[in-house]
Amino acid sequence: MSVRVLMISGSLRAGSYNSALLRLLPSLAPASFAMDTAPSFAEFPFYDADEHQRAGTPEAVLALAEAIRRSDGVVIVSPEYNWTIPGALKNAFDWLSRVENQPLKGKAVALQSASAGPLGGARMQYHMRMMLTFLEANLVATPEIFVGLAPSKFSEDRSQLLDGTLRTMIEAQLRKLEDVIRMTNWANAPDNHAISG
């Protein structure tokens, strides 16, 4: 059975290492994965509760929320800005947290990050984990994927990962995501809520 996985890049930059990493994920994923790129959040307005009450939820927000709902799991690949989550991505999650039928509740989520610096976006992931825990996502705990010194890990055109150990770790994380998805789906199946005597 196909496992539907949505990929979200936290970067809006055309030459982003994070978006380059995201594009490589299908080649590293389990055979069961059908991976799609999420609708863009680039045009989301800044979240304003007064404006939200007046005008409602923008269609672009609803489109991203529905894409998450339709997926079995999500992979978020994001840079770190100023030791935390990039503003545009944080704004997207602020919007998502306010839609009905919360799309991230119970959703299996894996995190990855890449940066030119040595820490590979670790501080962003810490803050992202706090936010996703509040939203009741099912986070993949390990392995953690921090792509530090990113320029040395990609080919010049960013179409290949040059680090074999990193490739192996990403493959392992995506297999773990598959396990979390299957456990979540099993737990949510109606037959498994019956109490046998």
C-alpha atoms as a PDB file:
ATOM      1  CA  MET A   1       0.000   0.000   0.000  1.00  0.00           C
ATOM      2  CA  SER A   2       1.300   3.449  -0.942  1.00  0.00           C
ATOM      3  CA  VAL A   3       2.283   5.796   1.891  1.00  0.00           C
ATOM      4  CA  ARG A   4       1.536   9.439   1.083  1.00  0.00           C
ATOM      5  CA  VAL A   5       4.218  11.793   2.387  1.00  0.00           C
ATOM      6  CA  LEU A   6       4.110  15.575   2.054  1.00  0.00           C
ATOM      7  CA  MET A   7       7.398  17.491   1.872  1.00  0.00           C
ATOM      8  CA  ILE A   8       7.560  21.065   3.212  1.00  0.00           C
ATOM      9  CA  SER A   9      10.589  23.296   2.630  1.00  0.00           C
ATOM     10  CA  GLY A  10      11.032  26.062   5.185  1.00  0.00           C
ATOM     11  CA  SER A  11      13.029  28.187   2.754  1.00  0.00           C
ATOM     12  CA  LEU A  12      11.699  30.574   0.119  1.00  0.00           C
ATOM     13  CA  ARG A  13      15.153  31.049  -1.429  1.00  0.00           C
ATOM     14  CA  ALA A  14      15.632  29.717  -4.961  1.00  0.00           C
ATOM     15  CA  GLY A  15      19.129  28.377  -4.235  1.00  0.00           C
ATOM     16  CA  SER A  16      18.287  26.885  -0.847  1.00  0.00           C
ATOM     17  CA  TYR A  17      20.257  23.855   0.338  1.00  0.00           C
ATOM     18  CA  ASN A  18      17.148  22.794   2.240  1.00  0.00           C
ATOM     19  CA  SER A  19      15.008  22.784  -0.889  1.00  0.00           C
ATOM     20  CA  ALA A  20      17.805  20.918  -2.685  1.00  0.00           C
ATOM     21  CA  LEU A  21      17.785  18.308   0.092  1.00  0.00           C
ATOM     22  CA  LEU A  22      14.003  18.048  -0.126  1.00  0.00           C
ATOM     23  CA  ARG A  23      14.187  17.349  -3.873  1.00  0.00           C
ATOM     24  CA  LEU A  24      16.528  14.408  -3.201  1.00  0.00           C
ATOM     25  CA  LEU A  25      14.297  12.730  -0.621  1.00  0.00           C
ATOM     26  CA  PRO A  26      12.211  10.622  -3.038  1.00  0.00           C
ATOM     27  CA  SER A  27      15.402   8.887  -4.203  1.00  0.00           C
ATOM     28  CA  LEU A  28      16.246   7.981  -0.589  1.00  0.00           C
ATOM     29  CA  ALA A  29      12.767   7.000   0.586  1.00  0.00           C
ATOM     30  CA  PRO A  30      11.238   3.543   1.081  1.00  0.00           C
ATOM     31  CA  ALA A  31       9.637   2.059  -2.030  1.00  0.00           C
ATOM     32  CA  SER A  32       6.197   2.465  -0.455  1.00  0.00           C
ATOM     33  CA  PHE A  33       6.478   6.266  -0.286  1.00  0.00           C
ATOM     34  CA  ALA A  34       4.595   8.506  -2.716  1.00  0.00           C
ATOM     35  CA  MET A  35       6.113  11.918  -2.012  1.00  0.00           C
ATOM     36  CA  ASP A  36       4.650  15.279  -3.024  1.00  0.00           C
ATOM     37  CA  THR A  37       5.787  18.857  -2.452  1.00  0.00           C
ATOM     38  CA  ALA A  38       3.455  20.970  -0.327  1.00  0.00           C
ATOM     39  CA  PRO A  39       1.569  23.976  -1.707  1.00  0.00           C
ATOM     40  CA  SER A  40       3.538  27.192  -1.209  1.00  0.00           C
ATOM     41  CA  PHE A  41       3.073  29.368   1.853  1.00  0.00           C
ATOM     42  CA  ALA A  42       5.057  32.255   0.328  1.00  0.00           C
ATOM     43  CA  GLU A  43       1.968  34.426  -0.144  1.00  0.00           C
ATOM     44  CA  PHE A  44       0.372  33.824   3.263  1.00  0.00           C
ATOM     45  CA  PRO A  45      -0.413  37.175   4.922  1.00  0.00           C
ATOM     46  CA  PHE A  46       1.067  37.789   8.358  1.00  0.00           C
ATOM     47  CA  TYR A  47      -1.246  36.210  10.880  1.00  0.00           C
ATOM     48  CA  ASP A  48      -3.506  38.839  12.482  1.00  0.00           C
ATOM     49  CA  ALA A  49      -6.346  37.547  14.648  1.00  0.00           C
ATOM     50  CA  ASP A  50      -8.513  40.605  13.948  1.00  0.00           C
ATOM     51  CA  GLU A  51      -8.078  40.224  10.181  1.00  0.00           C
ATOM     52  CA  HIS A  52      -8.679  36.486  10.456  1.00  0.00           C
ATOM     53  CA  GLN A  53     -11.962  37.118  12.247  1.00  0.00           C
ATOM     54  CA  ARG A  54     -12.965  39.714   9.651  1.00  0.00           C
ATOM     55  CA  ALA A  55     -11.926  37.975   6.437  1.00  0.00           C
ATOM     56  CA  GLY A  56     -11.690  34.296   7.356  1.00  0.00           C
ATOM     57  CA  THR A  57      -8.953  31.842   6.448  1.00  0.00           C
ATOM     58  CA  PRO A  58      -7.184  32.448   3.103  1.00  0.00           C
ATOM     59  CA  GLU A  59      -7.625  29.786   0.424  1.00  0.00           C
ATOM     60  CA  ALA A  60      -3.868  29.205   0.292  1.00  0.00           C
ATOM     61  CA  VAL A  61      -3.878  28.283   3.989  1.00  0.00           C
ATOM     62  CA  LEU A  62      -6.811  25.916   3.490  1.00  0.00           C
ATOM     63  CA  ALA A  63      -4.982  24.299   0.551  1.00  0.00           C
ATOM     64  CA  LEU A  64      -1.901  23.570   2.665  1.00  0.00           C
ATOM     65  CA  ALA A  65      -4.033  22.300   5.551  1.00  0.00           C
ATOM     66  CA  GLU A  66      -5.901  19.941   3.230  1.00  0.00           C
ATOM     67  CA  ALA A  67      -2.652  18.670   1.689  1.00  0.00           C
ATOM     68  CA  ILE A  68      -1.410  17.811   5.191  1.00  0.00           C
ATOM     69  CA  ARG A  69      -4.698  16.073   6.059  1.00  0.00           C
ATOM     70  CA  ARG A  70      -4.524  13.956   2.888  1.00  0.00           C
ATOM     71  CA  SER A  71      -0.989  12.838   3.684  1.00  0.00           C
ATOM     72  CA  ASP A  72      -0.009   9.956   5.940  1.00  0.00           C
ATOM     73  CA  GLY A  73       3.102  11.787   7.082  1.00  0.00           C
ATOM     74  CA  VAL A  74       5.108  14.979   6.638  1.00  0.00           C
ATOM     75  CA  VAL A  75       8.800  15.782   6.236  1.00  0.00           C
ATOM     76  CA  ILE A  76       9.818  19.361   7.057  1.00  0.00           C
ATOM     77  CA  VAL A  77      13.216  20.480   5.741  1.00  0.00           C
ATOM     78  CA  SER A  78      14.123  23.953   6.958  1.00  0.00           C
ATOM     79  CA  PRO A  79      17.017  26.322   7.522  1.00  0.00           C
ATOM     80  CA  GLU A  80      17.692  28.087  10.816  1.00  0.00           C
ATOM     81  CA  TYR A  81      17.331  31.870  10.917  1.00  0.00           C
ATOM     82  CA  ASN A  82      18.720  33.684  13.970  1.00  0.00           C
ATOM     83  CA  TRP A  83      18.777  30.462  16.023  1.00  0.00           C
ATOM     84  CA  THR A  84      15.131  29.652  15.342  1.00  0.00           C
ATOM     85  CA  ILE A  85      12.374  28.895  12.806  1.00  0.00           C
ATOM     86  CA  PRO A  86      12.324  31.078   9.656  1.00  0.00           C
ATOM     87  CA  GLY A  87       9.602  33.721   9.884  1.00  0.00           C
ATOM     88  CA  ALA A  88       7.646  32.630   6.813  1.00  0.00           C
ATOM     89  CA  LEU A  89       7.488  29.014   8.015  1.00  0.00           C
ATOM     90  CA  LYS A  90       6.510  30.048  11.557  1.00  0.00           C
ATOM     91  CA  ASN A  91       3.759  32.246  10.084  1.00  0.00           C
ATOM     92  CA  ALA A  92       2.488  29.276   8.055  1.00  0.00           C
ATOM     93  CA  PHE A  93       2.216  27.171  11.211  1.00  0.00           C
ATOM     94  CA  ASP A  94       0.531  30.030  13.064  1.00  0.00           C
ATOM     95  CA  TRP A  95      -2.156  29.940  10.365  1.00  0.00           C
ATOM     96  CA  LEU A  96      -2.364  26.134  10.350  1.00  0.00           C
ATOM     97  CA  SER A  97      -2.838  26.073  14.118  1.00  0.00           C
ATOM     98  CA  ARG A  98      -6.061  28.045  13.725  1.00  0.00           C
ATOM     99  CA  VAL A  99      -7.920  26.022  11.120  1.00  0.00           C
ATOM    100  CA  GLU A 100     -10.699  23.625  12.051  1.00  0.00           C
ATOM    101  CA  ASN A 101     -10.014  19.878  11.992  1.00  0.00           C
ATOM    102  CA  GLN A 102      -6.400  20.470  13.025  1.00  0.00           C
ATOM    103  CA  PRO A 103      -4.290  18.953  10.205  1.00  0.00           C
ATOM    104  CA  LEU A 104      -1.174  18.176  12.257  1.00  0.00           C
ATOM    105  CA  LYS A 105      -2.876  16.448  15.188  1.00  0.00           C
ATOM    106  CA  GLY A 106      -1.695  12.836  15.224  1.00  0.00           C
ATOM    107  CA  LYS A 107       0.299  13.322  12.013  1.00  0.00           C
ATOM    108  CA  ALA A 108       3.679  11.587  11.728  1.00  0.00           C
ATOM    109  CA  VAL A 109       6.367  14.242  11.150  1.00  0.00           C
ATOM    110  CA  ALA A 110      10.116  14.041  10.493  1.00  0.00           C
ATOM    111  CA  LEU A 111      12.456  17.044  10.647  1.00  0.00           C
ATOM    112  CA  GLN A 112      15.597  17.797   8.666  1.00  0.00           C
ATOM    113  CA  SER A 113      17.725  20.912   8.341  1.00  0.00           C
ATOM    114  CA  ALA A 114      20.759  22.127   6.435  1.00  0.00           C
ATOM    115  CA  SER A 115      23.014  25.120   6.929  1.00  0.00           C
ATOM    116  CA  ALA A 116      26.351  26.461   5.805  1.00  0.00           C
ATOM    117  CA  GLY A 117      27.438  26.534   9.454  1.00  0.00           C
ATOM    118  CA  PRO A 118      28.618  23.514  11.452  1.00  0.00           C
ATOM    119  CA  LEU A 119      25.474  22.922  13.558  1.00  0.00           C
ATOM    120  CA  GLY A 120      23.188  22.193  10.614  1.00  0.00           C
ATOM    121  CA  GLY A 121      20.104  23.986  11.938  1.00  0.00           C
ATOM    122  CA  ALA A 122      19.914  22.153  15.271  1.00  0.00           C
ATOM    123  CA  ARG A 123      18.461  25.102  17.191  1.00  0.00           C
ATOM    124  CA  MET A 124      15.674  25.517  14.640  1.00  0.00           C
ATOM    125  CA  GLN A 125      14.749  21.862  15.086  1.00  0.00           C
ATOM    126  CA  TYR A 126      14.565  22.268  18.872  1.00  0.00           C
ATOM    127  CA  HIS A 127      12.047  25.104  18.513  1.00  0.00           C
ATOM    128  CA  MET A 128      10.145  23.263  15.776  1.00  0.00           C
ATOM    129  CA  ARG A 129       9.819  20.212  18.016  1.00  0.00           C
ATOM    130  CA  MET A 130       8.320  22.343  20.786  1.00  0.00           C
ATOM    131  CA  MET A 131       5.775  23.845  18.405  1.00  0.00           C
ATOM    132  CA  LEU A 132       4.820  20.520  16.814  1.00  0.00           C
ATOM    133  CA  THR A 133       4.483  18.882  20.225  1.00  0.00           C
ATOM    134  CA  PHE A 134       1.946  21.559  21.164  1.00  0.00           C
ATOM    135  CA  LEU A 135       0.092  20.815  17.904  1.00  0.00           C
ATOM    136  CA  GLU A 136       0.070  17.100  18.888  1.00  0.00           C
ATOM    137  CA  ALA A 137       2.068  15.810  15.936  1.00  0.00           C
ATOM    138  CA  ASN A 138       3.771  12.400  16.231  1.00  0.00           C
ATOM    139  CA  LEU A 139       7.428  13.313  15.845  1.00  0.00           C
ATOM    140  CA  VAL A 140      10.150  10.957  14.644  1.00  0.00           C
ATOM    141  CA  ALA A 141      12.669  11.169  17.493  1.00  0.00           C
ATOM    142  CA  THR A 142      15.741   9.646  15.853  1.00  0.00           C
ATOM    143  CA  PRO A 143      17.816   9.651  13.785  1.00  0.00           C
ATOM    144  CA  GLU A 144      18.095  13.432  13.690  1.00  0.00           C
ATOM    145  CA  ILE A 145      19.219  14.962  10.393  1.00  0.00           C
ATOM    146  CA  PHE A 146      21.446  18.038  10.730  1.00  0.00           C
ATOM    147  CA  VAL A 147      23.326  18.819   7.504  1.00  0.00           C
ATOM    148  CA  GLY A 148      26.125  21.076   8.700  1.00  0.00           C
ATOM    149  CA  LEU A 149      28.663  22.662   6.329  1.00  0.00           C
ATOM    150  CA  ALA A 150      26.107  22.053   3.581  1.00  0.00           C
ATOM    151  CA  PRO A 151      28.182  23.364   0.640  1.00  0.00           C
ATOM    152  CA  SER A 152      30.600  20.461   1.159  1.00  0.00           C
ATOM    153  CA  LYS A 153      27.811  17.858   1.246  1.00  0.00           C
ATOM    154  CA  PHE A 154      26.246  18.572  -2.161  1.00  0.00           C
ATOM    155  CA  SER A 155      27.474  18.426  -5.736  1.00  0.00           C
ATOM    156  CA  GLU A 156      28.062  21.826  -7.340  1.00  0.00           C
ATOM    157  CA  ASP A 157      24.602  21.843  -8.954  1.00  0.00           C
ATOM    158  CA  ARG A 158      23.054  20.509  -5.694  1.00  0.00           C
ATOM    159  CA  SER A 159      21.525  17.547  -7.498  1.00  0.00           C
ATOM    160  CA  GLN A 160      23.456  14.922  -5.492  1.00  0.00           C
ATOM    161  CA  LEU A 161      24.464  14.264  -1.888  1.00  0.00           C
ATOM    162  CA  LEU A 162      28.172  13.522  -1.690  1.00  0.00           C
ATOM    163  CA  ASP A 163      28.200  12.277   1.916  1.00  0.00           C
ATOM    164  CA  GLY A 164      27.440   8.550   2.040  1.00  0.00           C
ATOM    165  CA  THR A 165      26.963   8.515   5.814  1.00  0.00           C
ATOM    166  CA  LEU A 166      24.405  11.306   5.530  1.00  0.00           C
ATOM    167  CA  ARG A 167      22.536   9.417   2.821  1.00  0.00           C
ATOM    168  CA  THR A 168      22.396   6.348   5.070  1.00  0.00           C
ATOM    169  CA  MET A 169      21.075   8.410   7.996  1.00  0.00           C
ATOM    170  CA  ILE A 170      18.359   9.999   5.857  1.00  0.00           C
ATOM    171  CA  GLU A 171      17.304   6.585   4.566  1.00  0.00           C
ATOM    172  CA  ALA A 172      17.107   5.365   8.166  1.00  0.00           C
ATOM    173  CA  GLN A 173      15.028   8.366   9.244  1.00  0.00           C
ATOM    174  CA  LEU A 174      12.570   7.866   6.393  1.00  0.00           C
ATOM    175  CA  ARG A 175      12.220   4.183   7.297  1.00  0.00           C
ATOM    176  CA  LYS A 176      11.487   5.272  10.878  1.00  0.00           C
ATOM    177  CA  LEU A 177       8.887   7.717   9.536  1.00  0.00           C
ATOM    178  CA  GLU A 178       7.299   4.800   7.690  1.00  0.00           C
ATOM    179  CA  ASP A 179       7.184   2.846  10.970  1.00  0.00           C
ATOM    180  CA  VAL A 180       5.579   5.770  12.830  1.00  0.00           C
ATOM    181  CA  ILE A 181       2.995   6.183  10.062  1.00  0.00           C
ATOM    182  CA  ARG A 182       2.060   2.505  10.148  1.00  0.00           C
ATOM    183  CA  MET A 183       1.809   2.490  13.952  1.00  0.00           C
ATOM    184  CA  THR A 184      -0.331   5.645  13.857  1.00  0.00           C
ATOM    185  CA  ASN A 185      -2.618   4.192  11.198  1.00  0.00           C
ATOM    186  CA  TRP A 186      -2.946   0.952  13.184  1.00  0.00           C
ATOM    187  CA  ALA A 187      -3.761   2.839  16.396  1.00  0.00           C
ATOM    188  CA  ASN A 188      -6.404   4.915  14.608  1.00  0.00           C
ATOM    189  CA  ALA A 189      -8.100   1.947  12.925  1.00  0.00           C
ATOM    190  CA  PRO A 190     -11.627   1.511  14.395  1.00  0.00           C
ATOM    191  CA  ASP A 191     -11.177  -2.237  14.988  1.00  0.00           C
ATOM    192  CA  ASN A 192      -8.235  -1.600  17.303  1.00  0.00           C
ATOM    193  CA  HIS A 193     -10.319   0.457  19.731  1.00  0.00           C
ATOM    194  CA  ALA A 194     -12.530  -2.489  20.650  1.00  0.00           C
ATOM    195  CA  ILE A 195     -11.883  -4.098  24.025  1.00  0.00           C
ATOM    196  CA  SER A 196     -11.676  -7.857  23.740  1.00  0.00           C
ATOM    197  CA  GLY A 197     -12.843 -10.008  26.642  1.00  0.00           C
END
